[in-house]
Amino acid sequence: MMQALAFTARRLYSTAPTSLPEAARIARTTSTPLAVRLRRRKRFGPTPDGVSDSTPEGLTPTEFARYKRFKALETLEVIDGEQVTDAEWIEKLNARRSRVRGFKTVERDGVEETEVVGRRVYLPNIIIRLVRNNTLKGQPYNPYEATFRIPKSVTKTDMRSYLLAVYGVKTTYIRTDNYIAPEPSGRNRVRKAFKTYKRAVVGLVDPFHYPHRIENMSDKERKDRMQWIEDNFRIMSTRMMRKFELLRMTKGQGKGWNMKEPLATKRSHILRLVAERREKREGLIIDQVQQWRETREKGEAISLEPISKTQSDATTQQVATTN
């Protein structure tokens, strides 16, 4: 019974096709769960970055270990007096995985097509959201992987059937994990339901690049995109407001503590800024008068037209930078 359950869990763990691109194999190795990576590192040694740990035939270390165990036990299928090779074994294993998951291959007009075997669902009341992958700082984005937020009732089989039947997307593996909302402190110890969700990480055969990625934009496009996000969603303004309120509710309650500028605007702060701007303006005027005196001493004529256009703009810009 336990062996059957373990085999079922492994079967739900991966749905790798017969032939997988090398980049997809590397992505599959990179996105392996941490516990699996640590177990493989302890047994086989560390895997360098950007390198797949699969065999040339596409078997993962777990699948290859199963193949060697079955070969030693002589439980593999025998063809022409010899046991099947690892490539033939993984091909039949993937075919069985696809069959168990509710898919069949039919031939129409000489072309083989994959069909979903099951009952059609009309007007479903589930929401599946595509979100960005969790990419560590300094690491490249993984185009052979997609992340979804799904209802807790949706299984791996449902996700694979949904992606293939609706969008024609072939998957290599599906990993799911449940995120439980933290228990709040205080008197009202009730978890917020909207903070509890289920995440599905799906491996892709064909690469998919998330649209409007800021990392791939030019400086101007990135600036315009960030400005559009700020104008529509007010992310930075919300962060500053939250920070201000947090300081006001925590440190503001202490005795002898006052908010520092620029979080607080006091009369002394305003007068200091006014005095600094006046000093800056008077300094520019003194410099201009000194320049005119030197021009008169040289016997040159003073022209006010270019000064009114260039110097006044420069003066205004310098005063504005001090604000």
Protein backbone atom coordinates (compact mmCIF):
# COMPACT_ATOMS: atom_id res chain seq x y z
CA MET A 1 0.00 0.00 0.00
CA MET A 2 2.75 2.45 0.92
CA GLN A 3 4.68 1.62 -2.26
CA ALA A 4 1.58 2.34 -4.33
CA LEU A 5 1.11 5.68 -2.59
CA ALA A 6 4.77 6.55 -3.06
CA PHE A 7 4.58 5.68 -6.76
CA THR A 8 1.47 7.84 -7.12
CA ALA A 9 3.23 10.77 -5.44
CA ARG A 10 6.19 10.43 -7.76
CA ARG A 11 3.89 10.20 -10.74
CA LEU A 12 2.21 13.46 -9.76
CA TYR A 13 5.62 15.02 -9.20
CA SER A 14 6.76 15.13 -12.83
CA THR A 15 5.36 14.81 -16.34
CA ALA A 16 8.50 15.17 -18.39
CA PRO A 17 8.16 14.57 -22.15
CA THR A 18 10.37 12.22 -24.08
CA SER A 19 12.67 14.93 -25.46
CA LEU A 20 13.30 18.07 -23.43
CA PRO A 21 15.45 21.06 -24.49
CA GLU A 22 18.69 21.51 -22.62
CA ALA A 23 17.59 24.91 -21.29
CA ALA A 24 14.42 23.33 -19.92
CA ARG A 25 16.49 20.63 -18.20
CA ILE A 26 18.65 23.30 -16.58
CA ALA A 27 15.52 25.14 -15.46
CA ARG A 28 14.10 21.93 -14.02
CA THR A 29 17.31 21.37 -12.05
CA THR A 30 17.34 24.96 -10.79
CA SER A 31 13.73 24.85 -9.58
CA THR A 32 14.07 21.52 -7.77
CA PRO A 33 12.76 21.73 -4.18
CA LEU A 34 15.35 22.58 -1.57
CA ALA A 35 15.03 19.28 0.30
CA VAL A 36 15.60 17.34 -2.94
CA ARG A 37 18.62 19.50 -3.86
CA LEU A 38 20.19 18.97 -0.45
CA ARG A 39 19.64 15.22 -0.65
CA ARG A 40 21.17 15.03 -4.13
CA ARG A 41 24.08 17.26 -3.13
CA LYS A 42 24.86 14.99 -0.19
CA ARG A 43 24.80 11.90 -2.40
CA PHE A 44 26.15 13.09 -5.77
CA GLY A 45 27.96 16.30 -4.88
CA PRO A 46 27.13 19.91 -5.75
CA THR A 47 25.84 20.77 -9.23
CA PRO A 48 27.40 23.87 -10.84
CA ASP A 49 25.13 26.79 -11.75
CA GLY A 50 23.73 26.66 -15.26
CA VAL A 51 24.21 22.87 -15.56
CA SER A 52 21.53 20.18 -15.54
CA ASP A 53 21.84 17.15 -13.27
CA SER A 54 19.91 14.91 -15.69
CA THR A 55 21.42 12.17 -17.82
CA PRO A 56 21.89 12.60 -21.61
CA GLU A 57 18.63 10.66 -22.08
CA GLY A 58 16.78 13.18 -19.85
CA LEU A 59 16.42 11.13 -16.66
CA THR A 60 16.58 12.95 -13.36
CA PRO A 61 18.84 11.46 -10.65
CA THR A 62 15.75 10.00 -8.96
CA GLU A 63 14.50 8.40 -12.16
CA PHE A 64 17.94 7.08 -13.02
CA ALA A 65 18.27 5.54 -9.55
CA ARG A 66 14.89 3.83 -10.01
CA TYR A 67 15.98 2.51 -13.40
CA LYS A 68 19.19 1.03 -11.96
CA ARG A 69 17.27 -0.53 -9.07
CA PHE A 70 14.74 -2.16 -11.42
CA LYS A 71 17.58 -3.33 -13.65
CA ALA A 72 19.39 -4.93 -10.73
CA LEU A 73 16.17 -6.64 -9.65
CA GLU A 74 15.58 -7.74 -13.27
CA THR A 75 12.03 -6.40 -13.25
CA LEU A 76 12.40 -4.38 -16.45
CA GLU A 77 10.69 -5.35 -19.67
CA VAL A 78 12.72 -7.70 -21.87
CA ILE A 79 12.83 -7.09 -25.63
CA ASP A 80 14.78 -9.49 -27.88
CA GLY A 81 16.32 -11.14 -24.86
CA GLU A 82 17.64 -7.89 -23.36
CA GLN A 83 16.28 -5.46 -20.83
CA VAL A 84 15.09 -2.09 -22.11
CA THR A 85 17.53 0.79 -22.05
CA ASP A 86 17.09 3.83 -19.86
CA ALA A 87 15.86 5.90 -22.84
CA GLU A 88 13.19 3.31 -23.68
CA TRP A 89 12.23 2.98 -20.04
CA ILE A 90 11.72 6.74 -19.51
CA GLU A 91 9.78 6.98 -22.78
CA LYS A 92 7.32 4.32 -21.64
CA LEU A 93 7.17 5.85 -18.18
CA ASN A 94 6.23 9.24 -19.61
CA ALA A 95 3.63 7.62 -21.83
CA ARG A 96 2.09 5.92 -18.81
CA ARG A 97 2.13 9.18 -16.87
CA SER A 98 0.27 10.97 -19.64
CA ARG A 99 -2.25 8.16 -19.92
CA VAL A 100 -2.96 8.11 -16.20
CA ARG A 101 -3.46 11.86 -16.15
CA GLY A 102 -6.42 11.72 -18.52
CA PHE A 103 -4.87 12.20 -21.97
CA LYS A 104 -4.97 10.05 -25.04
CA THR A 105 -3.41 10.25 -28.49
CA VAL A 106 -5.74 10.00 -31.48
CA GLU A 107 -4.94 10.06 -35.18
CA ARG A 108 -6.93 12.38 -37.40
CA ASP A 109 -6.17 12.75 -41.09
CA GLY A 110 -2.80 11.13 -40.56
CA VAL A 111 -1.86 13.56 -37.77
CA GLU A 112 -1.57 12.50 -34.14
CA GLU A 113 -3.30 14.80 -31.67
CA THR A 114 -3.57 14.75 -27.89
CA GLU A 115 -7.04 14.85 -26.40
CA VAL A 116 -8.20 15.29 -22.84
CA VAL A 117 -10.26 12.38 -21.60
CA GLY A 118 -12.76 13.66 -19.10
CA ARG A 119 -15.90 15.64 -18.56
CA ARG A 120 -16.12 19.18 -19.84
CA VAL A 121 -16.74 21.90 -17.25
CA TYR A 122 -18.78 24.90 -18.34
CA LEU A 123 -18.73 28.27 -16.53
CA PRO A 124 -16.16 27.27 -13.89
CA ASN A 125 -16.08 29.34 -10.73
CA ILE A 126 -12.33 29.10 -10.16
CA ILE A 127 -9.72 31.82 -10.67
CA ILE A 128 -6.20 30.96 -11.86
CA ARG A 129 -3.78 33.87 -11.82
CA LEU A 130 -0.41 34.02 -13.56
CA VAL A 131 2.22 35.75 -11.42
CA ARG A 132 5.93 36.40 -11.77
CA ASN A 133 8.44 33.74 -10.82
CA ASN A 134 10.33 34.14 -7.59
CA THR A 135 13.76 35.10 -8.96
CA LEU A 136 16.62 35.63 -6.53
CA LYS A 137 18.67 38.81 -6.78
CA GLY A 138 21.44 38.42 -9.34
CA GLN A 139 19.88 35.30 -10.88
CA PRO A 140 18.45 35.29 -14.44
CA TYR A 141 14.73 34.91 -15.02
CA ASN A 142 13.68 31.32 -15.74
CA PRO A 143 11.57 31.31 -18.95
CA TYR A 144 10.94 27.56 -18.70
CA GLU A 145 8.90 28.00 -15.56
CA ALA A 146 5.57 29.70 -14.79
CA THR A 147 3.96 30.42 -11.45
CA PHE A 148 0.23 30.46 -10.77
CA ARG A 149 -1.96 31.20 -7.78
CA ILE A 150 -4.77 28.72 -7.75
CA PRO A 151 -7.65 27.72 -5.45
CA LYS A 152 -6.83 25.16 -2.79
CA SER A 153 -9.17 22.63 -4.40
CA VAL A 154 -7.26 22.59 -7.74
CA THR A 155 -4.84 19.65 -8.08
CA LYS A 156 -1.77 19.10 -10.25
CA THR A 157 -3.78 16.98 -12.64
CA ASP A 158 -6.33 19.79 -13.00
CA MET A 159 -3.59 22.32 -13.76
CA ARG A 160 -1.95 20.16 -16.41
CA SER A 161 -5.30 19.39 -18.02
CA TYR A 162 -6.29 23.06 -17.94
CA LEU A 163 -3.07 24.34 -19.51
CA LEU A 164 -3.01 21.72 -22.26
CA ALA A 165 -6.73 21.76 -23.11
CA VAL A 166 -7.25 25.53 -23.05
CA TYR A 167 -3.88 26.97 -24.12
CA GLY A 168 -2.04 23.99 -25.61
CA VAL A 169 0.83 24.43 -23.12
CA LYS A 170 2.93 21.33 -22.47
CA THR A 171 4.35 20.94 -18.99
CA THR A 172 7.37 19.09 -17.66
CA TYR A 173 6.56 19.17 -13.94
CA ILE A 174 4.05 20.72 -11.56
CA ARG A 175 4.87 21.51 -7.95
CA THR A 176 2.33 22.94 -5.54
CA ASP A 177 2.61 24.39 -2.04
CA ASN A 178 0.10 25.94 0.33
CA TYR A 179 0.77 29.25 2.05
CA ILE A 180 -1.10 29.66 5.31
CA ALA A 181 -1.76 33.17 6.58
CA PRO A 182 0.16 33.95 9.78
CA GLU A 183 -1.80 33.94 12.99
CA PRO A 184 -2.26 37.55 14.08
CA SER A 185 -1.33 38.64 17.55
CA GLY A 186 -3.64 40.41 19.93
CA ARG A 187 -7.18 39.71 20.99
CA ASN A 188 -8.61 39.06 17.53
CA ARG A 189 -6.75 35.89 16.61
CA VAL A 190 -8.48 35.23 13.31
CA ARG A 191 -6.51 34.47 10.18
CA LYS A 192 -7.32 36.49 7.09
CA ALA A 193 -8.62 34.18 4.39
CA PHE A 194 -7.35 36.26 1.47
CA LYS A 195 -3.76 35.81 2.68
CA THR A 196 -4.03 32.03 2.47
CA TYR A 197 -3.41 30.74 -1.04
CA LYS A 198 -2.00 27.85 -3.04
CA ARG A 199 0.88 28.25 -5.46
CA ALA A 200 1.61 26.07 -8.47
CA VAL A 201 5.05 26.14 -10.12
CA VAL A 202 4.79 24.68 -13.63
CA GLY A 203 7.71 23.62 -15.80
CA LEU A 204 7.33 24.46 -19.49
CA VAL A 205 8.61 22.74 -22.61
CA ASP A 206 8.58 25.98 -24.62
CA PRO A 207 9.97 29.17 -23.04
CA PHE A 208 7.58 31.88 -21.92
CA HIS A 209 8.75 35.42 -21.14
CA TYR A 210 6.58 37.41 -18.76
CA PRO A 211 5.24 40.55 -20.51
CA HIS A 212 6.40 44.05 -19.56
CA ARG A 213 9.48 42.89 -17.70
CA ILE A 214 11.30 45.96 -16.40
CA GLU A 215 14.66 44.18 -16.55
CA ASN A 216 14.45 43.91 -20.36
CA MET A 217 13.44 47.54 -20.97
CA SER A 218 15.65 50.46 -21.91
CA ASP A 219 16.26 53.28 -19.45
CA LYS A 220 13.54 55.48 -20.92
CA GLU A 221 10.99 52.67 -21.16
CA ARG A 222 11.81 51.56 -17.62
CA LYS A 223 11.36 55.12 -16.32
CA ASP A 224 8.03 55.54 -18.13
CA ARG A 225 6.86 52.14 -16.91
CA MET A 226 7.76 52.88 -13.28
CA GLN A 227 6.04 56.27 -13.55
CA TRP A 228 2.91 54.62 -14.96
CA ILE A 229 2.89 52.09 -12.12
CA GLU A 230 3.30 54.85 -9.56
CA ASP A 231 0.54 57.00 -11.11
CA ASN A 232 -1.94 54.13 -11.22
CA PHE A 233 -1.10 52.17 -8.07
CA ARG A 234 0.72 54.68 -5.79
CA ILE A 235 3.15 52.08 -4.50
CA MET A 236 5.87 54.43 -3.25
CA SER A 237 3.34 56.90 -1.84
CA THR A 238 1.65 54.09 0.05
CA ARG A 239 4.99 52.91 1.44
CA MET A 240 5.91 56.41 2.65
CA MET A 241 2.47 56.88 4.21
CA ARG A 242 2.72 53.49 5.92
CA LYS A 243 6.18 54.35 7.22
CA PHE A 244 4.99 57.70 8.49
CA GLU A 245 2.02 56.17 10.31
CA LEU A 246 4.20 53.44 11.79
CA LEU A 247 6.61 56.01 13.17
CA ARG A 248 3.78 58.14 14.47
CA MET A 249 2.11 55.21 16.28
CA THR A 250 5.30 53.70 17.74
CA LYS A 251 8.13 56.16 18.32
CA GLY A 252 5.79 59.12 18.42
CA GLN A 253 4.37 57.86 21.70
CA GLY A 254 7.70 58.06 23.48
CA LYS A 255 8.55 60.92 25.79
CA GLY A 256 10.87 63.54 24.39
CA TRP A 257 10.74 62.17 20.81
CA ASN A 258 9.91 64.39 17.86
CA MET A 259 9.73 63.60 14.19
CA LYS A 260 12.71 64.72 12.18
CA GLU A 261 12.55 66.39 8.82
CA PRO A 262 11.45 65.73 6.15
CA LEU A 263 8.79 63.63 7.93
CA ALA A 264 7.71 66.63 9.97
CA THR A 265 7.36 70.28 8.80
CA LYS A 266 8.01 72.82 11.52
CA ARG A 267 8.17 76.59 11.47
CA SER A 268 11.89 76.50 12.22
CA HIS A 269 12.41 74.14 9.30
CA ILE A 270 10.53 76.46 6.93
CA LEU A 271 12.45 79.53 8.12
CA ARG A 272 15.76 77.73 7.66
CA LEU A 273 14.88 76.80 4.07
CA VAL A 274 13.84 80.38 3.34
CA ALA A 275 17.12 81.68 4.76
CA GLU A 276 19.15 79.21 2.69
CA ARG A 277 17.37 80.19 -0.53
CA ARG A 278 17.83 83.89 0.22
CA GLU A 279 21.53 83.39 0.88
CA LYS A 280 21.88 81.45 -2.35
CA ARG A 281 20.06 84.13 -4.33
CA GLU A 282 22.12 86.95 -2.82
CA GLY A 283 25.32 85.04 -3.59
CA LEU A 284 24.34 84.72 -7.24
CA ILE A 285 23.59 88.45 -7.40
CA ILE A 286 26.98 89.33 -5.89
CA ASP A 287 28.72 87.06 -8.41
CA GLN A 288 26.89 88.72 -11.29
CA VAL A 289 27.75 92.24 -10.07
CA GLN A 290 31.41 91.26 -9.75
CA GLN A 291 31.35 89.91 -13.30
CA TRP A 292 29.91 93.20 -14.63
CA ARG A 293 32.63 95.21 -12.80
CA GLU A 294 35.34 93.11 -14.39
CA THR A 295 33.71 93.59 -17.79
CA ARG A 296 33.62 97.42 -17.35
CA GLU A 297 37.26 97.48 -16.27
CA LYS A 298 38.19 95.75 -19.51
CA GLY A 299 36.25 98.37 -21.48
CA GLU A 300 33.74 95.88 -22.88
CA ALA A 301 30.04 96.58 -23.30
CA ILE A 302 27.57 94.80 -21.05
CA SER A 303 24.74 93.08 -22.89
CA LEU A 304 21.71 92.25 -20.79
CA GLU A 305 19.87 90.23 -23.46
CA PRO A 306 21.87 86.97 -23.25
CA ILE A 307 22.07 87.33 -19.48
CA SER A 308 18.29 87.42 -19.12
CA LYS A 309 17.94 84.14 -21.02
CA THR A 310 20.86 82.09 -19.84
CA GLN A 311 21.85 83.36 -16.42
CA SER A 312 18.28 83.70 -15.19
CA ASP A 313 17.53 80.10 -16.19
CA ALA A 314 20.68 78.90 -14.50
CA THR A 315 19.82 80.91 -11.40
CA THR A 316 16.34 79.45 -11.29
CA GLN A 317 17.71 75.92 -11.72
CA GLN A 318 20.30 76.32 -8.99
CA VAL A 319 17.72 77.69 -6.58
CA ALA A 320 15.37 74.83 -7.42
CA THR A 321 18.04 72.22 -6.69
CA THR A 322 18.38 73.57 -3.16
CA ASN A 323 14.67 72.99 -2.42
